């Protein structure tokens, strides 16, 4: 087992944390962009933004799953406020993206009804 995640102040550890934060922030931004695109009737672009948001979230979730697996296997994983923030950021991005999917769907429905 590696100890690269044991020291929460190491550069490797902070790269992981910042990667989770960046992926979460990117995903949330893309989900917000999708809502704006849908409001403008750009549904193909909105769907593409949501797909890209999902890819960002998958990358961050893969890192999170790797850390949880290492922890379950007995590896020591250091925790600090940065990691807590990263996990919070990721959770909020997942929730926001899920909500954006619903908002885009509703916008499609509203605009279709208005076009009738």
PDB file of N, CA and C in Angstrom:
ATOM      1  N   UNK A   1       0.829  -1.190   0.000  1.00  0.00           N
ATOM      2  CA  UNK A   1       0.000   0.000   0.000  1.00  0.00           C
ATOM      3  C   UNK A   1       0.871   1.251   0.000  1.00  0.00           C
ATOM      4  N   UNK A   2       0.337   2.258  -0.607  1.00  0.00           N
ATOM      5  CA  UNK A   2       1.055   3.529  -0.700  1.00  0.00           C
ATOM      6  C   UNK A   2       0.633   4.444   0.440  1.00  0.00           C
ATOM      7  N   UNK A   3       1.523   5.351   0.798  1.00  0.00           N
ATOM      8  CA  UNK A   3       1.152   6.308   1.840  1.00  0.00           C
ATOM      9  C   UNK A   3       1.012   7.720   1.269  1.00  0.00           C
ATOM     10  N   UNK A   4       0.820   7.836  -0.045  1.00  0.00           N
ATOM     11  CA  UNK A   4       0.759   9.165  -0.646  1.00  0.00           C
ATOM     12  C   UNK A   4      -0.460   9.965  -0.210  1.00  0.00           C
ATOM     13  N   UNK A   5      -1.495   9.278   0.310  1.00  0.00           N
ATOM     14  CA  UNK A   5      -2.686   9.986   0.763  1.00  0.00           C
ATOM     15  C   UNK A   5      -2.739  10.120   2.282  1.00  0.00           C
ATOM     16  N   UNK A   6      -1.728   9.643   2.956  1.00  0.00           N
ATOM     17  CA  UNK A   6      -1.736   9.702   4.420  1.00  0.00           C
ATOM     18  C   UNK A   6      -1.472  11.117   4.929  1.00  0.00           C
ATOM     19  N   UNK A   7      -0.620  11.848   4.237  1.00  0.00           N
ATOM     20  CA  UNK A   7      -0.261  13.201   4.679  1.00  0.00           C
ATOM     21  C   UNK A   7      -1.133  14.219   3.949  1.00  0.00           C
ATOM     22  N   UNK A   8      -2.121  14.800   4.631  1.00  0.00           N
ATOM     23  CA  UNK A   8      -3.027  15.722   3.958  1.00  0.00           C
ATOM     24  C   UNK A   8      -2.402  17.065   3.563  1.00  0.00           C
ATOM     25  N   UNK A   9      -1.118  17.244   3.829  1.00  0.00           N
ATOM     26  CA  UNK A   9      -0.467  18.474   3.386  1.00  0.00           C
ATOM     27  C   UNK A   9       0.509  18.212   2.241  1.00  0.00           C
ATOM     28  N   UNK A  10       0.599  16.963   1.774  1.00  0.00           N
ATOM     29  CA  UNK A  10       1.526  16.656   0.685  1.00  0.00           C
ATOM     30  C   UNK A  10       0.996  17.217  -0.634  1.00  0.00           C
ATOM     31  N   UNK A  11       1.893  17.445  -1.560  1.00  0.00           N
ATOM     32  CA  UNK A  11       1.502  17.968  -2.867  1.00  0.00           C
ATOM     33  C   UNK A  11       0.585  16.988  -3.596  1.00  0.00           C
ATOM     34  N   UNK A  12       0.877  15.685  -3.524  1.00  0.00           N
ATOM     35  CA  UNK A  12       0.048  14.684  -4.196  1.00  0.00           C
ATOM     36  C   UNK A  12      -1.382  14.700  -3.644  1.00  0.00           C
ATOM     37  N   UNK A  13      -1.489  14.769  -2.348  1.00  0.00           N
ATOM     38  CA  UNK A  13      -2.803  14.796  -1.708  1.00  0.00           C
ATOM     39  C   UNK A  13      -3.576  16.034  -2.139  1.00  0.00           C
ATOM     40  N   UNK A  14      -2.914  17.189  -2.120  1.00  0.00           N
ATOM     41  CA  UNK A  14      -3.589  18.430  -2.482  1.00  0.00           C
ATOM     42  C   UNK A  14      -3.974  18.445  -3.963  1.00  0.00           C
ATOM     43  N   UNK A  15      -3.196  17.784  -4.813  1.00  0.00           N
ATOM     44  CA  UNK A  15      -3.575  17.675  -6.231  1.00  0.00           C
ATOM     45  C   UNK A  15      -4.879  16.900  -6.379  1.00  0.00           C
ATOM     46  N   UNK A  16      -5.038  15.846  -5.593  1.00  0.00           N
ATOM     47  CA  UNK A  16      -6.274  15.069  -5.622  1.00  0.00           C
ATOM     48  C   UNK A  16      -7.441  15.926  -5.154  1.00  0.00           C
ATOM     49  N   UNK A  17      -7.253  16.608  -4.046  1.00  0.00           N
ATOM     50  CA  UNK A  17      -8.308  17.467  -3.494  1.00  0.00           C
ATOM     51  C   UNK A  17      -8.695  18.553  -4.502  1.00  0.00           C
ATOM     52  N   UNK A  18      -7.723  19.224  -5.052  1.00  0.00           N
ATOM     53  CA  UNK A  18      -8.013  20.296  -6.004  1.00  0.00           C
ATOM     54  C   UNK A  18      -8.661  19.739  -7.275  1.00  0.00           C
ATOM     55  N   UNK A  19      -8.291  18.530  -7.660  1.00  0.00           N
ATOM     56  CA  UNK A  19      -8.921  17.898  -8.815  1.00  0.00           C
ATOM     57  C   UNK A  19     -10.404  17.662  -8.586  1.00  0.00           C
ATOM     58  N   UNK A  20     -10.758  17.222  -7.390  1.00  0.00           N
ATOM     59  CA  UNK A  20     -12.170  17.008  -7.052  1.00  0.00           C
ATOM     60  C   UNK A  20     -12.914  18.345  -7.057  1.00  0.00           C
ATOM     61  N   UNK A  21     -12.311  19.363  -6.460  1.00  0.00           N
ATOM     62  CA  UNK A  21     -12.941  20.684  -6.414  1.00  0.00           C
ATOM     63  C   UNK A  21     -13.123  21.245  -7.825  1.00  0.00           C
ATOM     64  N   UNK A  22     -12.099  21.138  -8.652  1.00  0.00           N
ATOM     65  CA  UNK A  22     -12.186  21.673 -10.013  1.00  0.00           C
ATOM     66  C   UNK A  22     -13.236  20.929 -10.840  1.00  0.00           C
ATOM     67  N   UNK A  23     -13.253  19.611 -10.746  1.00  0.00           N
ATOM     68  CA  UNK A  23     -14.232  18.834 -11.514  1.00  0.00           C
ATOM     69  C   UNK A  23     -15.647  19.169 -11.062  1.00  0.00           C
ATOM     70  N   UNK A  24     -15.844  19.306  -9.756  1.00  0.00           N
ATOM     71  CA  UNK A  24     -17.157  19.681  -9.243  1.00  0.00           C
ATOM     72  C   UNK A  24     -17.572  21.066  -9.715  1.00  0.00           C
ATOM     73  N   UNK A  25     -16.649  22.006  -9.661  1.00  0.00           N
ATOM     74  CA  UNK A  25     -16.941  23.367 -10.116  1.00  0.00           C
ATOM     75  C   UNK A  25     -17.238  23.414 -11.607  1.00  0.00           C
ATOM     76  N   UNK A  26     -16.453  22.672 -12.383  1.00  0.00           N
ATOM     77  CA  UNK A  26     -16.695  22.616 -13.829  1.00  0.00           C
ATOM     78  C   UNK A  26     -18.063  22.016 -14.124  1.00  0.00           C
ATOM     79  N   UNK A  27     -18.397  20.938 -13.428  1.00  0.00           N
ATOM     80  CA  UNK A  27     -19.679  20.272 -13.657  1.00  0.00           C
ATOM     81  C   UNK A  27     -20.845  21.190 -13.304  1.00  0.00           C
ATOM     82  N   UNK A  28     -20.738  21.879 -12.194  1.00  0.00           N
ATOM     83  CA  UNK A  28     -21.817  22.789 -11.790  1.00  0.00           C
ATOM     84  C   UNK A  28     -21.962  23.918 -12.799  1.00  0.00           C
ATOM     85  N   UNK A  29     -20.850  24.462 -13.257  1.00  0.00           N
ATOM     86  CA  UNK A  29     -20.893  25.515 -14.264  1.00  0.00           C
ATOM     87  C   UNK A  29     -21.519  25.041 -15.566  1.00  0.00           C
ATOM     88  N   UNK A  30     -21.184  23.827 -15.976  1.00  0.00           N
ATOM     89  CA  UNK A  30     -21.769  23.273 -17.196  1.00  0.00           C
ATOM     90  C   UNK A  30     -23.262  23.019 -17.031  1.00  0.00           C
ATOM     91  N   UNK A  31     -23.671  22.585 -15.855  1.00  0.00           N
ATOM     92  CA  UNK A  31     -25.101  22.359 -15.602  1.00  0.00           C
ATOM     93  C   UNK A  31     -25.856  23.675 -15.639  1.00  0.00           C
ATOM     94  N   UNK A  32     -25.278  24.720 -15.068  1.00  0.00           N
ATOM     95  CA  UNK A  32     -25.911  26.041 -15.118  1.00  0.00           C
ATOM     96  C   UNK A  32     -25.986  26.527 -16.563  1.00  0.00           C
ATOM     97  N   UNK A  33     -24.922  26.307 -17.304  1.00  0.00           N
ATOM     98  CA  UNK A  33     -24.890  26.673 -18.723  1.00  0.00           C
ATOM     99  C   UNK A  33     -26.002  25.947 -19.479  1.00  0.00           C
ATOM    100  N   UNK A  34     -26.226  24.683 -19.166  1.00  0.00           N
ATOM    101  CA  UNK A  34     -27.279  23.904 -19.824  1.00  0.00           C
ATOM    102  C   UNK A  34     -28.653  24.521 -19.583  1.00  0.00           C
ATOM    103  N   UNK A  35     -28.893  24.977 -18.375  1.00  0.00           N
ATOM    104  CA  UNK A  35     -30.173  25.624 -18.065  1.00  0.00           C
ATOM    105  C   UNK A  35     -30.332  26.880 -18.915  1.00  0.00           C
ATOM    106  N   UNK A  36     -29.305  27.692 -18.986  1.00  0.00           N
ATOM    107  CA  UNK A  36     -29.364  28.916 -19.779  1.00  0.00           C
ATOM    108  C   UNK A  36     -29.572  28.605 -21.260  1.00  0.00           C
ATOM    109  N   UNK A  37     -28.888  27.576 -21.757  1.00  0.00           N
ATOM    110  CA  UNK A  37     -29.051  27.186 -23.153  1.00  0.00           C
ATOM    111  C   UNK A  37     -30.474  26.715 -23.415  1.00  0.00           C
ATOM    112  N   UNK A  38     -31.024  25.948 -22.501  1.00  0.00           N
ATOM    113  CA  UNK A  38     -32.400  25.462 -22.673  1.00  0.00           C
ATOM    114  C   UNK A  38     -33.386  26.624 -22.682  1.00  0.00           C
ATOM    115  N   UNK A  39     -33.174  27.599 -21.819  1.00  0.00           N
ATOM    116  CA  UNK A  39     -34.062  28.763 -21.782  1.00  0.00           C
ATOM    117  C   UNK A  39     -34.031  29.514 -23.105  1.00  0.00           C
ATOM    118  N   UNK A  40     -32.909  29.422 -23.820  1.00  0.00           N
ATOM    119  CA  UNK A  40     -32.783  30.071 -25.128  1.00  0.00           C
ATOM    120  C   UNK A  40     -33.214  29.155 -26.270  1.00  0.00           C
ATOM    121  N   UNK A  41     -33.696  27.965 -25.928  1.00  0.00           N
ATOM    122  CA  UNK A  41     -34.144  27.027 -26.955  1.00  0.00           C
ATOM    123  C   UNK A  41     -33.033  26.221 -27.597  1.00  0.00           C
ATOM    124  N   UNK A  42     -31.840  26.298 -27.058  1.00  0.00           N
ATOM    125  CA  UNK A  42     -30.683  25.573 -27.600  1.00  0.00           C
ATOM    126  C   UNK A  42     -30.571  24.209 -26.919  1.00  0.00           C
ATOM    127  N   UNK A  43     -31.490  23.312 -27.248  1.00  0.00           N
ATOM    128  CA  UNK A  43     -31.588  22.050 -26.521  1.00  0.00           C
ATOM    129  C   UNK A  43     -30.454  21.074 -26.832  1.00  0.00           C
ATOM    130  N   UNK A  44     -29.957  21.069 -28.061  1.00  0.00           N
ATOM    131  CA  UNK A  44     -28.819  20.202 -28.373  1.00  0.00           C
ATOM    132  C   UNK A  44     -27.589  20.645 -27.573  1.00  0.00           C
ATOM    133  N   UNK A  45     -27.385  21.954 -27.499  1.00  0.00           N
ATOM    134  CA  UNK A  45     -26.255  22.478 -26.720  1.00  0.00           C
ATOM    135  C   UNK A  45     -26.442  22.174 -25.235  1.00  0.00           C
ATOM    136  N   UNK A  46     -27.683  22.304 -24.751  1.00  0.00           N
ATOM    137  CA  UNK A  46     -27.964  22.009 -23.338  1.00  0.00           C
ATOM    138  C   UNK A  46     -27.672  20.546 -23.036  1.00  0.00           C
ATOM    139  N   UNK A  47     -28.111  19.663 -23.921  1.00  0.00           N
ATOM    140  CA  UNK A  47     -27.839  18.228 -23.724  1.00  0.00           C
ATOM    141  C   UNK A  47     -26.342  17.942 -23.735  1.00  0.00           C
ATOM    142  N   UNK A  48     -25.607  18.616 -24.628  1.00  0.00           N
ATOM    143  CA  UNK A  48     -24.153  18.437 -24.684  1.00  0.00           C
ATOM    144  C   UNK A  48     -23.490  18.944 -23.402  1.00  0.00           C
ATOM    145  N   UNK A  49     -23.969  20.071 -22.883  1.00  0.00           N
ATOM    146  CA  UNK A  49     -23.411  20.602 -21.629  1.00  0.00           C
ATOM    147  C   UNK A  49     -23.673  19.648 -20.469  1.00  0.00           C
ATOM    148  N   UNK A  50     -24.889  19.077 -20.426  1.00  0.00           N
ATOM    149  CA  UNK A  50     -25.200  18.116 -19.361  1.00  0.00           C
ATOM    150  C   UNK A  50     -24.348  16.859 -19.481  1.00  0.00           C
ATOM    151  N   UNK A  51     -24.097  16.430 -20.705  1.00  0.00           N
ATOM    152  CA  UNK A  51     -23.245  15.249 -20.909  1.00  0.00           C
ATOM    153  C   UNK A  51     -21.821  15.534 -20.425  1.00  0.00           C
ATOM    154  N   UNK A  52     -21.316  16.710 -20.769  1.00  0.00           N
ATOM    155  CA  UNK A  52     -19.969  17.091 -20.323  1.00  0.00           C
ATOM    156  C   UNK A  52     -19.911  17.228 -18.798  1.00  0.00           C
ATOM    157  N   UNK A  53     -20.980  17.757 -18.202  1.00  0.00           N
ATOM    158  CA  UNK A  53     -21.046  17.856 -16.740  1.00  0.00           C
ATOM    159  C   UNK A  53     -20.981  16.463 -16.119  1.00  0.00           C
ATOM    160  N   UNK A  54     -21.691  15.522 -16.713  1.00  0.00           N
ATOM    161  CA  UNK A  54     -21.675  14.139 -16.206  1.00  0.00           C
ATOM    162  C   UNK A  54     -20.277  13.535 -16.294  1.00  0.00           C
ATOM    163  N   UNK A  55     -19.564  13.844 -17.363  1.00  0.00           N
ATOM    164  CA  UNK A  55     -18.192  13.339 -17.508  1.00  0.00           C
ATOM    165  C   UNK A  55     -17.280  13.911 -16.426  1.00  0.00           C
ATOM    166  N   UNK A  56     -17.432  15.202 -16.144  1.00  0.00           N
ATOM    167  CA  UNK A  56     -16.635  15.826 -15.082  1.00  0.00           C
ATOM    168  C   UNK A  56     -16.932  15.166 -13.732  1.00  0.00           C
ATOM    169  N   UNK A  57     -18.211  14.932 -13.479  1.00  0.00           N
ATOM    170  CA  UNK A  57     -18.607  14.306 -12.217  1.00  0.00           C
ATOM    171  C   UNK A  57     -18.110  12.871 -12.119  1.00  0.00           C
ATOM    172  N   UNK A  58     -18.116  12.164 -13.233  1.00  0.00           N
ATOM    173  CA  UNK A  58     -17.619  10.784 -13.236  1.00  0.00           C
ATOM    174  C   UNK A  58     -16.139  10.749 -12.860  1.00  0.00           C
ATOM    175  N   UNK A  59     -15.368  11.681 -13.419  1.00  0.00           N
ATOM    176  CA  UNK A  59     -13.942  11.742 -13.101  1.00  0.00           C
ATOM    177  C   UNK A  59     -13.727  11.984 -11.604  1.00  0.00           C
ATOM    178  N   UNK A  60     -14.447  12.930 -11.047  1.00  0.00           N
ATOM    179  CA  UNK A  60     -14.308  13.229  -9.615  1.00  0.00           C
ATOM    180  C   UNK A  60     -14.803  12.062  -8.776  1.00  0.00           C
ATOM    181  N   UNK A  61     -15.880  11.442  -9.201  1.00  0.00           N
ATOM    182  CA  UNK A  61     -16.429  10.299  -8.462  1.00  0.00           C
ATOM    183  C   UNK A  61     -15.458   9.119  -8.493  1.00  0.00           C
ATOM    184  N   UNK A  62     -14.761   8.932  -9.614  1.00  0.00           N
ATOM    185  CA  UNK A  62     -13.766   7.860  -9.704  1.00  0.00           C
ATOM    186  C   UNK A  62     -12.646   8.066  -8.685  1.00  0.00           C
ATOM    187  N   UNK A  63     -12.209   9.313  -8.523  1.00  0.00           N
ATOM    188  CA  UNK A  63     -11.170   9.619  -7.528  1.00  0.00           C
ATOM    189  C   UNK A  63     -11.711   9.347  -6.133  1.00  0.00           C
ATOM    190  N   UNK A  64     -12.925   9.785  -5.878  1.00  0.00           N
ATOM    191  CA  UNK A  64     -13.556   9.560  -4.574  1.00  0.00           C
ATOM    192  C   UNK A  64     -13.681   8.056  -4.289  1.00  0.00           C
ATOM    193  N   UNK A  65     -14.103   7.295  -5.276  1.00  0.00           N
ATOM    194  CA  UNK A  65     -14.245   5.844  -5.106  1.00  0.00           C
ATOM    195  C   UNK A  65     -12.901   5.192  -4.831  1.00  0.00           C
ATOM    196  N   UNK A  66     -11.858   5.658  -5.518  1.00  0.00           N
ATOM    197  CA  UNK A  66     -10.515   5.135  -5.273  1.00  0.00           C
ATOM    198  C   UNK A  66     -10.098   5.389  -3.828  1.00  0.00           C
ATOM    199  N   UNK A  67     -10.350   6.589  -3.339  1.00  0.00           N
ATOM    200  CA  UNK A  67      -9.993   6.906  -1.948  1.00  0.00           C
ATOM    201  C   UNK A  67     -10.779   6.041  -0.962  1.00  0.00           C
ATOM    202  N   UNK A  68     -12.065   5.855  -1.223  1.00  0.00           N
ATOM    203  CA  UNK A  68     -12.895   5.027  -0.335  1.00  0.00           C
ATOM    204  C   UNK A  68     -12.442   3.572  -0.356  1.00  0.00           C
ATOM    205  N   UNK A  69     -12.057   3.085  -1.530  1.00  0.00           N
ATOM    206  CA  UNK A  69     -11.565   1.709  -1.644  1.00  0.00           C
ATOM    207  C   UNK A  69     -10.274   1.546  -0.859  1.00  0.00           C
ATOM    208  N   UNK A  70      -9.373   2.497  -1.004  1.00  0.00           N
ATOM    209  CA  UNK A  70      -8.106   2.440  -0.262  1.00  0.00           C
ATOM    210  C   UNK A  70      -8.369   2.445   1.249  1.00  0.00           C
ATOM    211  N   UNK A  71      -9.295   3.291   1.673  1.00  0.00           N
ATOM    212  CA  UNK A  71      -9.646   3.371   3.090  1.00  0.00           C
ATOM    213  C   UNK A  71     -10.219   2.030   3.570  1.00  0.00           C
ATOM    214  N   UNK A  72     -11.100   1.442   2.782  1.00  0.00           N
ATOM    215  CA  UNK A  72     -11.703   0.154   3.146  1.00  0.00           C
ATOM    216  C   UNK A  72     -10.662  -0.961   3.206  1.00  0.00           C
ATOM    217  N   UNK A  73      -9.592  -0.835   2.435  1.00  0.00           N
ATOM    218  CA  UNK A  73      -8.535  -1.838   2.426  1.00  0.00           C
ATOM    219  C   UNK A  73      -7.505  -1.607   3.522  1.00  0.00           C
ATOM    220  N   UNK A  74      -7.755  -0.601   4.361  1.00  0.00           N
ATOM    221  CA  UNK A  74      -6.884  -0.376   5.507  1.00  0.00           C
ATOM    222  C   UNK A  74      -5.819   0.674   5.308  1.00  0.00           C
ATOM    223  N   UNK A  75      -5.772   1.291   4.143  1.00  0.00           N
ATOM    224  CA  UNK A  75      -4.783   2.342   3.917  1.00  0.00           C
ATOM    225  C   UNK A  75      -5.183   3.577   4.718  1.00  0.00           C
ATOM    226  N   UNK A  76      -4.213   4.236   5.282  1.00  0.00           N
ATOM    227  CA  UNK A  76      -4.494   5.458   6.023  1.00  0.00           C
ATOM    228  C   UNK A  76      -4.674   6.600   5.032  1.00  0.00           C
ATOM    229  N   UNK A  77      -5.807   7.277   5.150  1.00  0.00           N
ATOM    230  CA  UNK A  77      -6.112   8.430   4.310  1.00  0.00           C
ATOM    231  C   UNK A  77      -6.238   9.633   5.241  1.00  0.00           C
ATOM    232  N   UNK A  78      -5.426  10.625   5.008  1.00  0.00           N
ATOM    233  CA  UNK A  78      -5.492  11.828   5.821  1.00  0.00           C
ATOM    234  C   UNK A  78      -6.677  12.686   5.414  1.00  0.00           C
ATOM    235  N   UNK A  79      -7.246  13.379   6.373  1.00  0.00           N
ATOM    236  CA  UNK A  79      -8.388  14.261   6.108  1.00  0.00           C
ATOM    237  C   UNK A  79      -8.080  15.637   6.661  1.00  0.00           C
ATOM    238  N   UNK A  80      -8.498  16.640   5.932  1.00  0.00           N
ATOM    239  CA  UNK A  80      -8.375  18.016   6.393  1.00  0.00           C
ATOM    240  C   UNK A  80      -9.565  18.800   5.865  1.00  0.00           C
ATOM    241  N   UNK A  81      -9.620  20.056   6.177  1.00  0.00           N
ATOM    242  CA  UNK A  81     -10.749  20.877   5.765  1.00  0.00           C
ATOM    243  C   UNK A  81     -10.842  20.987   4.247  1.00  0.00           C
ATOM    244  N   UNK A  82      -9.712  20.935   3.558  1.00  0.00           N
ATOM    245  CA  UNK A  82      -9.735  20.975   2.097  1.00  0.00           C
ATOM    246  C   UNK A  82     -10.487  19.767   1.530  1.00  0.00           C
ATOM    247  N   UNK A  83     -10.230  18.583   2.086  1.00  0.00           N
ATOM    248  CA  UNK A  83     -10.913  17.386   1.598  1.00  0.00           C
ATOM    249  C   UNK A  83     -12.404  17.457   1.918  1.00  0.00           C
ATOM    250  N   UNK A  84     -12.746  17.946   3.094  1.00  0.00           N
ATOM    251  CA  UNK A  84     -14.160  18.105   3.448  1.00  0.00           C
ATOM    252  C   UNK A  84     -14.816  19.070   2.459  1.00  0.00           C
ATOM    253  N   UNK A  85     -14.138  20.143   2.147  1.00  0.00           N
ATOM    254  CA  UNK A  85     -14.655  21.110   1.182  1.00  0.00           C
ATOM    255  C   UNK A  85     -14.820  20.458  -0.195  1.00  0.00           C
ATOM    256  N   UNK A  86     -13.851  19.665  -0.595  1.00  0.00           N
ATOM    257  CA  UNK A  86     -13.920  18.996  -1.896  1.00  0.00           C
ATOM    258  C   UNK A  86     -15.127  18.062  -1.959  1.00  0.00           C
ATOM    259  N   UNK A  87     -15.348  17.304  -0.898  1.00  0.00           N
ATOM    260  CA  UNK A  87     -16.484  16.386  -0.864  1.00  0.00           C
ATOM    261  C   UNK A  87     -17.799  17.160  -0.887  1.00  0.00           C
ATOM    262  N   UNK A  88     -17.860  18.254  -0.168  1.00  0.00           N
ATOM    263  CA  UNK A  88     -19.053  19.096  -0.149  1.00  0.00           C
ATOM    264  C   UNK A  88     -19.301  19.688  -1.539  1.00  0.00           C
ATOM    265  N   UNK A  89     -18.247  20.155  -2.159  1.00  0.00           N
ATOM    266  CA  UNK A  89     -18.335  20.737  -3.496  1.00  0.00           C
ATOM    267  C   UNK A  89     -18.847  19.699  -4.499  1.00  0.00           C
ATOM    268  N   UNK A  90     -18.329  18.490  -4.413  1.00  0.00           N
ATOM    269  CA  UNK A  90     -18.744  17.413  -5.308  1.00  0.00           C
ATOM    270  C   UNK A  90     -20.217  17.067  -5.103  1.00  0.00           C
ATOM    271  N   UNK A  91     -20.625  16.933  -3.853  1.00  0.00           N
ATOM    272  CA  UNK A  91     -22.017  16.597  -3.560  1.00  0.00           C
ATOM    273  C   UNK A  91     -22.959  17.666  -4.104  1.00  0.00           C
ATOM    274  N   UNK A  92     -22.609  18.928  -3.907  1.00  0.00           N
ATOM    275  CA  UNK A  92     -23.448  20.013  -4.406  1.00  0.00           C
ATOM    276  C   UNK A  92     -23.499  20.020  -5.929  1.00  0.00           C
ATOM    277  N   UNK A  93     -22.388  19.724  -6.572  1.00  0.00           N
ATOM    278  CA  UNK A  93     -22.362  19.689  -8.038  1.00  0.00           C
ATOM    279  C   UNK A  93     -23.232  18.560  -8.568  1.00  0.00           C
ATOM    280  N   UNK A  94     -23.193  17.403  -7.922  1.00  0.00           N
ATOM    281  CA  UNK A  94     -24.036  16.279  -8.343  1.00  0.00           C
ATOM    282  C   UNK A  94     -25.507  16.652  -8.212  1.00  0.00           C
ATOM    283  N   UNK A  95     -25.867  17.235  -7.082  1.00  0.00           N
ATOM    284  CA  UNK A  95     -27.254  17.639  -6.849  1.00  0.00           C
ATOM    285  C   UNK A  95     -27.696  18.692  -7.857  1.00  0.00           C
ATOM    286  N   UNK A  96     -26.842  19.680  -8.106  1.00  0.00           N
ATOM    287  CA  UNK A  96     -27.187  20.743  -9.042  1.00  0.00           C
ATOM    288  C   UNK A  96     -27.349  20.194 -10.455  1.00  0.00           C
ATOM    289  N   UNK A  97     -26.478  19.279 -10.852  1.00  0.00           N
ATOM    290  CA  UNK A  97     -26.581  18.691 -12.189  1.00  0.00           C
ATOM    291  C   UNK A  97     -27.871  17.893 -12.318  1.00  0.00           C
ATOM    292  N   UNK A  98     -28.225  17.127 -11.291  1.00  0.00           N
ATOM    293  CA  UNK A  98     -29.481  16.369 -11.323  1.00  0.00           C
ATOM    294  C   UNK A  98     -30.678  17.313 -11.464  1.00  0.00           C
ATOM    295  N   UNK A  99     -30.650  18.409 -10.749  1.00  0.00           N
ATOM    296  CA  UNK A  99     -31.719  19.390 -10.849  1.00  0.00           C
ATOM    297  C   UNK A  99     -31.733  20.038 -12.238  1.00  0.00           C
ATOM    298  N   UNK A 100     -30.562  20.308 -12.796  1.00  0.00           N
ATOM    299  CA  UNK A 100     -30.474  20.914 -14.123  1.00  0.00           C
ATOM    300  C   UNK A 100     -31.094  20.007 -15.185  1.00  0.00           C
ATOM    301  N   UNK A 101     -30.916  18.699 -15.044  1.00  0.00           N
ATOM    302  CA  UNK A 101     -31.544  17.757 -15.979  1.00  0.00           C
ATOM    303  C   UNK A 101     -33.058  17.946 -15.956  1.00  0.00           C
ATOM    304  N   UNK A 102     -33.615  18.084 -14.766  1.00  0.00           N
ATOM    305  CA  UNK A 102     -35.058  18.274 -14.631  1.00  0.00           C
ATOM    306  C   UNK A 102     -35.498  19.621 -15.202  1.00  0.00           C
ATOM    307  N   UNK A 103     -34.737  20.667 -14.936  1.00  0.00           N
ATOM    308  CA  UNK A 103     -35.087  22.002 -15.425  1.00  0.00           C
ATOM    309  C   UNK A 103     -35.036  22.027 -16.958  1.00  0.00           C
ATOM    310  N   UNK A 104     -34.009  21.427 -17.540  1.00  0.00           N
ATOM    311  CA  UNK A 104     -33.904  21.382 -19.005  1.00  0.00           C
ATOM    312  C   UNK A 104     -35.096  20.618 -19.579  1.00  0.00           C
ATOM    313  N   UNK A 105     -35.449  19.510 -18.963  1.00  0.00           N
ATOM    314  CA  UNK A 105     -36.614  18.745 -19.422  1.00  0.00           C
ATOM    315  C   UNK A 105     -37.894  19.548 -19.352  1.00  0.00           C
ATOM    316  N   UNK A 106     -38.074  20.274 -18.275  1.00  0.00           N
ATOM    317  CA  UNK A 106     -39.268  21.110 -18.130  1.00  0.00           C
ATOM    318  C   UNK A 106     -39.270  22.250 -19.157  1.00  0.00           C
ATOM    319  N   UNK A 107     -38.103  22.798 -19.413  1.00  0.00           N
ATOM    320  CA  UNK A 107     -38.009  23.885 -20.400  1.00  0.00           C
ATOM    321  C   UNK A 107     -38.362  23.361 -21.792  1.00  0.00           C
ATOM    322  N   UNK A 108     -37.925  22.166 -22.114  1.00  0.00           N
ATOM    323  CA  UNK A 108     -38.304  21.556 -23.399  1.00  0.00           C
ATOM    324  C   UNK A 108     -39.822  21.416 -23.486  1.00  0.00           C
ATOM    325  N   UNK A 109     -40.429  20.945 -22.421  1.00  0.00           N
ATOM    326  CA  UNK A 109     -41.861  20.747 -22.383  1.00  0.00           C
ATOM    327  C   UNK A 109     -42.611  22.084 -22.508  1.00  0.00           C
ATOM    328  N   UNK A 110     -42.171  23.073 -21.764  1.00  0.00           N
ATOM    329  CA  UNK A 110     -42.820  24.392 -21.794  1.00  0.00           C
ATOM    330  C   UNK A 110     -42.738  24.995 -23.194  1.00  0.00           C
ATOM    331  N   UNK A 111     -41.553  24.960 -23.780  1.00  0.00           N
ATOM    332  CA  UNK A 111     -41.398  25.570 -25.094  1.00  0.00           C
ATOM    333  C   UNK A 111     -42.195  24.807 -26.162  1.00  0.00           C
ATOM    334  N   UNK A 112     -42.302  23.501 -26.031  1.00  0.00           N
ATOM    335  CA  UNK A 112     -43.109  22.713 -26.977  1.00  0.00           C
ATOM    336  C   UNK A 112     -44.577  23.088 -26.837  1.00  0.00           C
ATOM    337  N   UNK A 113     -45.044  23.255 -25.610  1.00  0.00           N
ATOM    338  CA  UNK A 113     -46.437  23.640 -25.403  1.00  0.00           C
ATOM    339  C   UNK A 113     -46.709  25.050 -25.911  1.00  0.00           C
ATOM    340  N   UNK A 114     -45.760  25.956 -25.699  1.00  0.00           N
ATOM    341  CA  UNK A 114     -45.932  27.325 -26.179  1.00  0.00           C
ATOM    342  C   UNK A 114     -45.946  27.407 -27.697  1.00  0.00           C
ATOM    343  N   UNK A 115     -45.252  26.470 -28.347  1.00  0.00           N
ATOM    344  CA  UNK A 115     -45.184  26.477 -29.806  1.00  0.00           C
ATOM    345  C   UNK A 115     -46.480  25.990 -30.451  1.00  0.00           C
ATOM    346  N   UNK A 116     -47.345  25.329 -29.659  1.00  0.00           N
ATOM    347  CA  UNK A 116     -48.611  24.815 -30.198  1.00  0.00           C
ATOM    348  C   UNK A 116     -49.638  25.899 -30.373  1.00  0.00           C
TER     349      UNK A 116
END
